[in-house]
PDB file of N, CA and C in Angstrom:
ATOM      1  N   MET A   1      13.482   6.439  -1.255  1.00  0.00           N
ATOM      2  CA  MET A   1      12.369   5.554  -1.474  1.00  0.00           C
ATOM      3  C   MET A   1      11.500   5.583  -0.212  1.00  0.00           C
ATOM      4  N   THR A   2      10.227   5.716  -0.396  1.00  0.00           N
ATOM      5  CA  THR A   2       9.298   5.752   0.728  1.00  0.00           C
ATOM      6  C   THR A   2       8.951   4.349   1.218  1.00  0.00           C
ATOM      7  N   PHE A   3       8.666   3.440   0.285  1.00  0.00           N
ATOM      8  CA  PHE A   3       8.351   2.060   0.647  1.00  0.00           C
ATOM      9  C   PHE A   3       8.461   1.172  -0.579  1.00  0.00           C
ATOM     10  N   THR A   4       8.449  -0.124  -0.342  1.00  0.00           N
ATOM     11  CA  THR A   4       8.345  -1.118  -1.392  1.00  0.00           C
ATOM     12  C   THR A   4       7.445  -2.230  -0.846  1.00  0.00           C
ATOM     13  N   THR A   5       7.229  -3.276  -1.597  1.00  0.00           N
ATOM     14  CA  THR A   5       6.339  -4.346  -1.135  1.00  0.00           C
ATOM     15  C   THR A   5       7.072  -5.682  -1.060  1.00  0.00           C
ATOM     16  N   ASP A   6       6.603  -6.525  -0.187  1.00  0.00           N
ATOM     17  CA  ASP A   6       7.074  -7.900  -0.052  1.00  0.00           C
ATOM     18  C   ASP A   6       5.891  -8.793  -0.375  1.00  0.00           C
ATOM     19  N   GLN A   7       6.013  -9.593  -1.433  1.00  0.00           N
ATOM     20  CA  GLN A   7       4.901 -10.431  -1.866  1.00  0.00           C
ATOM     21  C   GLN A   7       5.111 -11.912  -1.567  1.00  0.00           C
ATOM     22  N   GLN A   8       6.022 -12.233  -0.658  1.00  0.00           N
ATOM     23  CA  GLN A   8       6.250 -13.611  -0.220  1.00  0.00           C
ATOM     24  C   GLN A   8       6.578 -14.553  -1.391  1.00  0.00           C
ATOM     25  N   PRO A   9       7.648 -14.302  -2.156  1.00  0.00           N
ATOM     26  CA  PRO A   9       7.948 -15.156  -3.310  1.00  0.00           C
ATOM     27  C   PRO A   9       8.204 -16.623  -2.951  1.00  0.00           C
ATOM     28  N   TYR A  10       8.772 -16.871  -1.775  1.00  0.00           N
ATOM     29  CA  TYR A  10       8.984 -18.267  -1.374  1.00  0.00           C
ATOM     30  C   TYR A  10       7.643 -18.991  -1.269  1.00  0.00           C
ATOM     31  N   LEU A  11       6.682 -18.364  -0.604  1.00  0.00           N
ATOM     32  CA  LEU A  11       5.365 -18.994  -0.453  1.00  0.00           C
ATOM     33  C   LEU A  11       4.655 -19.126  -1.792  1.00  0.00           C
ATOM     34  N   GLN A  12       4.862 -18.181  -2.695  1.00  0.00           N
ATOM     35  CA  GLN A  12       4.215 -18.260  -4.009  1.00  0.00           C
ATOM     36  C   GLN A  12       4.719 -19.456  -4.803  1.00  0.00           C
ATOM     37  N   GLY A  13       5.916 -19.939  -4.497  1.00  0.00           N
ATOM     38  CA  GLY A  13       6.427 -21.144  -5.139  1.00  0.00           C
ATOM     39  C   GLY A  13       6.120 -22.410  -4.357  1.00  0.00           C
ATOM     40  N   PHE A  14       6.240 -22.342  -3.036  1.00  0.00           N
ATOM     41  CA  PHE A  14       6.074 -23.525  -2.191  1.00  0.00           C
ATOM     42  C   PHE A  14       4.633 -23.991  -2.099  1.00  0.00           C
ATOM     43  N   VAL A  15       3.714 -23.084  -1.848  1.00  0.00           N
ATOM     44  CA  VAL A  15       2.315 -23.447  -1.616  1.00  0.00           C
ATOM     45  C   VAL A  15       1.692 -24.167  -2.823  1.00  0.00           C
ATOM     46  N   PRO A  16       1.873 -23.693  -4.064  1.00  0.00           N
ATOM     47  CA  PRO A  16       1.278 -24.431  -5.192  1.00  0.00           C
ATOM     48  C   PRO A  16       1.850 -25.844  -5.351  1.00  0.00           C
ATOM     49  N   VAL A  17       3.143 -26.003  -5.114  1.00  0.00           N
ATOM     50  CA  VAL A  17       3.741 -27.341  -5.214  1.00  0.00           C
ATOM     51  C   VAL A  17       3.167 -28.248  -4.123  1.00  0.00           C
ATOM     52  N   GLN A  18       3.047 -27.727  -2.919  1.00  0.00           N
ATOM     53  CA  GLN A  18       2.474 -28.499  -1.814  1.00  0.00           C
ATOM     54  C   GLN A  18       1.023 -28.886  -2.127  1.00  0.00           C
ATOM     55  N   GLN A  19       0.253 -27.967  -2.644  1.00  0.00           N
ATOM     56  CA  GLN A  19      -1.152 -28.252  -2.937  1.00  0.00           C
ATOM     57  C   GLN A  19      -1.295 -29.272  -4.069  1.00  0.00           C
ATOM     58  N   MET A  20      -0.449 -29.197  -5.069  1.00  0.00           N
ATOM     59  CA  MET A  20      -0.526 -30.182  -6.151  1.00  0.00           C
ATOM     60  C   MET A  20      -0.101 -31.565  -5.655  1.00  0.00           C
ATOM     61  N   TYR A  21       0.871 -31.618  -4.754  1.00  0.00           N
ATOM     62  CA  TYR A  21       1.270 -32.888  -4.154  1.00  0.00           C
ATOM     63  C   TYR A  21       0.087 -33.508  -3.392  1.00  0.00           C
ATOM     64  N   LEU A  22      -0.576 -32.695  -2.577  1.00  0.00           N
ATOM     65  CA  LEU A  22      -1.724 -33.200  -1.813  1.00  0.00           C
ATOM     66  C   LEU A  22      -2.873 -33.615  -2.737  1.00  0.00           C
ATOM     67  N   TYR A  23      -3.053 -32.882  -3.823  1.00  0.00           N
ATOM     68  CA  TYR A  23      -4.090 -33.220  -4.802  1.00  0.00           C
ATOM     69  C   TYR A  23      -3.805 -34.596  -5.411  1.00  0.00           C
ATOM     70  N   LYS A  24      -2.553 -34.815  -5.827  1.00  0.00           N
ATOM     71  CA  LYS A  24      -2.188 -36.104  -6.431  1.00  0.00           C
ATOM     72  C   LYS A  24      -2.240 -37.220  -5.395  1.00  0.00           C
ATOM     73  N   LEU A  25      -1.758 -36.950  -4.178  1.00  0.00           N
ATOM     74  CA  LEU A  25      -1.742 -37.949  -3.119  1.00  0.00           C
ATOM     75  C   LEU A  25      -3.150 -38.391  -2.733  1.00  0.00           C
ATOM     76  N   SER A  26      -4.096 -37.457  -2.750  1.00  0.00           N
ATOM     77  CA  SER A  26      -5.470 -37.768  -2.346  1.00  0.00           C
ATOM     78  C   SER A  26      -6.322 -38.272  -3.506  1.00  0.00           C
ATOM     79  N   GLY A  27      -5.751 -38.382  -4.689  1.00  0.00           N
ATOM     80  CA  GLY A  27      -6.522 -38.829  -5.845  1.00  0.00           C
ATOM     81  C   GLY A  27      -7.559 -37.808  -6.285  1.00  0.00           C
ATOM     82  N   GLY A  28      -7.302 -36.539  -6.004  1.00  0.00           N
ATOM     83  CA  GLY A  28      -8.210 -35.479  -6.422  1.00  0.00           C
ATOM     84  C   GLY A  28      -9.235 -35.088  -5.371  1.00  0.00           C
ATOM     85  N   ALA A  29      -9.188 -35.726  -4.199  1.00  0.00           N
ATOM     86  CA  ALA A  29     -10.161 -35.412  -3.151  1.00  0.00           C
ATOM     87  C   ALA A  29      -9.895 -34.049  -2.509  1.00  0.00           C
ATOM     88  N   VAL A  30      -8.651 -33.627  -2.525  1.00  0.00           N
ATOM     89  CA  VAL A  30      -8.286 -32.327  -1.962  1.00  0.00           C
ATOM     90  C   VAL A  30      -7.944 -31.412  -3.134  1.00  0.00           C
ATOM     91  N   ALA A  31      -8.811 -30.452  -3.408  1.00  0.00           N
ATOM     92  CA  ALA A  31      -8.575 -29.535  -4.526  1.00  0.00           C
ATOM     93  C   ALA A  31      -7.655 -28.397  -4.081  1.00  0.00           C
ATOM     94  N   PRO A  32      -6.802 -27.914  -4.993  1.00  0.00           N
ATOM     95  CA  PRO A  32      -5.954 -26.767  -4.652  1.00  0.00           C
ATOM     96  C   PRO A  32      -6.809 -25.571  -4.227  1.00  0.00           C
ATOM     97  N   ALA A  33      -6.386 -24.928  -3.180  1.00  0.00           N
ATOM     98  CA  ALA A  33      -7.128 -23.789  -2.630  1.00  0.00           C
ATOM     99  C   ALA A  33      -6.660 -22.479  -3.239  1.00  0.00           C
ATOM    100  N   ASP A  34      -7.492 -21.481  -3.159  1.00  0.00           N
ATOM    101  CA  ASP A  34      -7.116 -20.130  -3.528  1.00  0.00           C
ATOM    102  C   ASP A  34      -6.440 -19.534  -2.294  1.00  0.00           C
ATOM    103  N   THR A  35      -5.129 -19.418  -2.319  1.00  0.00           N
ATOM    104  CA  THR A  35      -4.364 -19.041  -1.133  1.00  0.00           C
ATOM    105  C   THR A  35      -3.806 -17.631  -1.267  1.00  0.00           C
ATOM    106  N   ASN A  36      -4.076 -16.824  -0.259  1.00  0.00           N
ATOM    107  CA  ASN A  36      -3.536 -15.472  -0.202  1.00  0.00           C
ATOM    108  C   ASN A  36      -2.214 -15.530   0.545  1.00  0.00           C
ATOM    109  N   THR A  37      -1.099 -15.254  -0.132  1.00  0.00           N
ATOM    110  CA  THR A  37       0.216 -15.278   0.512  1.00  0.00           C
ATOM    111  C   THR A  37       0.568 -13.930   1.121  1.00  0.00           C
ATOM    112  N   SER A  38      -0.324 -13.014   1.107  1.00  0.00           N
ATOM    113  CA  SER A  38      -0.245 -11.695   1.738  1.00  0.00           C
ATOM    114  C   SER A  38       0.647 -10.707   0.988  1.00  0.00           C
ATOM    115  N   LEU A  39       0.504  -9.492   1.384  1.00  0.00           N
ATOM    116  CA  LEU A  39       1.287  -8.392   0.850  1.00  0.00           C
ATOM    117  C   LEU A  39       1.705  -7.544   2.043  1.00  0.00           C
ATOM    118  N   ALA A  40       2.974  -7.233   2.111  1.00  0.00           N
ATOM    119  CA  ALA A  40       3.464  -6.412   3.222  1.00  0.00           C
ATOM    120  C   ALA A  40       4.208  -5.215   2.650  1.00  0.00           C
ATOM    121  N   TYR A  41       4.096  -4.098   3.322  1.00  0.00           N
ATOM    122  CA  TYR A  41       4.834  -2.908   2.929  1.00  0.00           C
ATOM    123  C   TYR A  41       6.128  -2.849   3.727  1.00  0.00           C
ATOM    124  N   VAL A  42       7.235  -2.652   3.021  1.00  0.00           N
ATOM    125  CA  VAL A  42       8.536  -2.528   3.651  1.00  0.00           C
ATOM    126  C   VAL A  42       8.888  -1.043   3.681  1.00  0.00           C
ATOM    127  N   THR A  43       9.083  -0.529   4.879  1.00  0.00           N
ATOM    128  CA  THR A  43       9.418   0.889   5.066  1.00  0.00           C
ATOM    129  C   THR A  43      10.731   0.991   5.838  1.00  0.00           C
ATOM    130  N   LYS A  44      11.196   2.188   6.042  1.00  0.00           N
ATOM    131  CA  LYS A  44      12.432   2.366   6.804  1.00  0.00           C
ATOM    132  C   LYS A  44      12.274   1.885   8.244  1.00  0.00           C
ATOM    133  N   ASP A  45      11.054   1.839   8.738  1.00  0.00           N
ATOM    134  CA  ASP A  45      10.817   1.396  10.112  1.00  0.00           C
ATOM    135  C   ASP A  45      10.902  -0.117  10.290  1.00  0.00           C
ATOM    136  N   ASN A  46      10.646  -0.892   9.227  1.00  0.00           N
ATOM    137  CA  ASN A  46      10.675  -2.351   9.365  1.00  0.00           C
ATOM    138  C   ASN A  46      11.636  -3.047   8.406  1.00  0.00           C
ATOM    139  N   VAL A  47      12.473  -2.293   7.711  1.00  0.00           N
ATOM    140  CA  VAL A  47      13.365  -2.872   6.713  1.00  0.00           C
ATOM    141  C   VAL A  47      14.369  -3.854   7.315  1.00  0.00           C
ATOM    142  N   GLN A  48      14.729  -3.692   8.573  1.00  0.00           N
ATOM    143  CA  GLN A  48      15.699  -4.597   9.199  1.00  0.00           C
ATOM    144  C   GLN A  48      15.228  -6.052   9.166  1.00  0.00           C
ATOM    145  N   LEU A  49      13.933  -6.267   9.211  1.00  0.00           N
ATOM    146  CA  LEU A  49      13.391  -7.628   9.144  1.00  0.00           C
ATOM    147  C   LEU A  49      13.712  -8.315   7.822  1.00  0.00           C
ATOM    148  N   TYR A  50      13.957  -7.538   6.776  1.00  0.00           N
ATOM    149  CA  TYR A  50      14.138  -8.084   5.430  1.00  0.00           C
ATOM    150  C   TYR A  50      15.592  -8.085   4.968  1.00  0.00           C
ATOM    151  N   LEU A  51      16.516  -7.605   5.763  1.00  0.00           N
ATOM    152  CA  LEU A  51      17.898  -7.467   5.330  1.00  0.00           C
ATOM    153  C   LEU A  51      18.757  -8.702   5.561  1.00  0.00           C
ATOM    154  N   GLY A  52      18.311  -9.644   6.352  1.00  0.00           N
ATOM    155  CA  GLY A  52      19.096 -10.838   6.633  1.00  0.00           C
ATOM    156  C   GLY A  52      19.088 -11.818   5.480  1.00  0.00           C
ATOM    157  N   LYS A  53      20.096 -12.684   5.451  1.00  0.00           N
ATOM    158  CA  LYS A  53      20.136 -13.742   4.439  1.00  0.00           C
ATOM    159  C   LYS A  53      19.116 -14.813   4.788  1.00  0.00           C
ATOM    160  N   SER A  54      18.571 -15.439   3.788  1.00  0.00           N
ATOM    161  CA  SER A  54      17.583 -16.489   3.975  1.00  0.00           C
ATOM    162  C   SER A  54      18.191 -17.838   3.639  1.00  0.00           C
ATOM    163  N   ARG A  55      17.818 -18.861   4.370  1.00  0.00           N
ATOM    164  CA  ARG A  55      18.318 -20.200   4.034  1.00  0.00           C
ATOM    165  C   ARG A  55      17.693 -20.708   2.746  1.00  0.00           C
ATOM    166  N   PHE A  56      16.701 -20.001   2.214  1.00  0.00           N
ATOM    167  CA  PHE A  56      16.041 -20.420   0.990  1.00  0.00           C
ATOM    168  C   PHE A  56      16.629 -19.754  -0.253  1.00  0.00           C
ATOM    169  N   GLU A  57      17.754 -19.049  -0.104  1.00  0.00           N
ATOM    170  CA  GLU A  57      18.353 -18.350  -1.238  1.00  0.00           C
ATOM    171  C   GLU A  57      19.153 -19.272  -2.138  1.00  0.00           C
ATOM    172  N   GLY A  58      19.323 -20.498  -1.771  1.00  0.00           N
ATOM    173  CA  GLY A  58      20.080 -21.450  -2.572  1.00  0.00           C
ATOM    174  C   GLY A  58      21.113 -22.150  -1.718  1.00  0.00           C
ATOM    175  N   SER A  59      21.755 -23.153  -2.281  1.00  0.00           N
ATOM    176  CA  SER A  59      22.701 -23.932  -1.488  1.00  0.00           C
ATOM    177  C   SER A  59      24.098 -23.946  -2.073  1.00  0.00           C
ATOM    178  N   THR A  60      24.365 -23.127  -3.057  1.00  0.00           N
ATOM    179  CA  THR A  60      25.687 -23.119  -3.654  1.00  0.00           C
ATOM    180  C   THR A  60      26.693 -22.404  -2.759  1.00  0.00           C
ATOM    181  N   SER A  61      27.921 -22.859  -2.811  1.00  0.00           N
ATOM    182  CA  SER A  61      28.979 -22.175  -2.058  1.00  0.00           C
ATOM    183  C   SER A  61      29.778 -21.258  -2.975  1.00  0.00           C
ATOM    184  N   THR A  62      29.411 -21.218  -4.250  1.00  0.00           N
ATOM    185  CA  THR A  62      30.084 -20.373  -5.221  1.00  0.00           C
ATOM    186  C   THR A  62      29.691 -18.917  -5.020  1.00  0.00           C
ATOM    187  N   GLU A  63      30.697 -18.052  -5.035  1.00  0.00           N
ATOM    188  CA  GLU A  63      30.422 -16.625  -4.906  1.00  0.00           C
ATOM    189  C   GLU A  63      29.732 -16.120  -6.171  1.00  0.00           C
ATOM    190  N   PRO A  64      28.779 -15.188  -6.033  1.00  0.00           N
ATOM    191  CA  PRO A  64      28.130 -14.619  -7.224  1.00  0.00           C
ATOM    192  C   PRO A  64      29.133 -13.853  -8.073  1.00  0.00           C
ATOM    193  N   THR A  65      28.907 -13.852  -9.382  1.00  0.00           N
ATOM    194  CA  THR A  65      29.809 -13.112 -10.284  1.00  0.00           C
ATOM    195  C   THR A  65      29.196 -11.819 -10.731  1.00  0.00           C
TER     196      THR A  65
END
C-alpha cells in the first residue's frame, strides 16, 4: 500500500455535537459553523503516529471477540 487517508473521525463526531450544544445554549445566537476537520495522508514515513491506541476507542475492559 502506498498511502491511505486519515479523516479525523473523532472530530467529525465531536465538533457537530459541540456546535449543537452551543447553538442550544445560546438560544440560536451561535450558528453551527462549516468546519473543516482536515485530511491527512498516512504513508510509511508517518504511520507510527497512527499506530498507538487512543483513549477515545471506548471504555470497555472486555476483550474483542
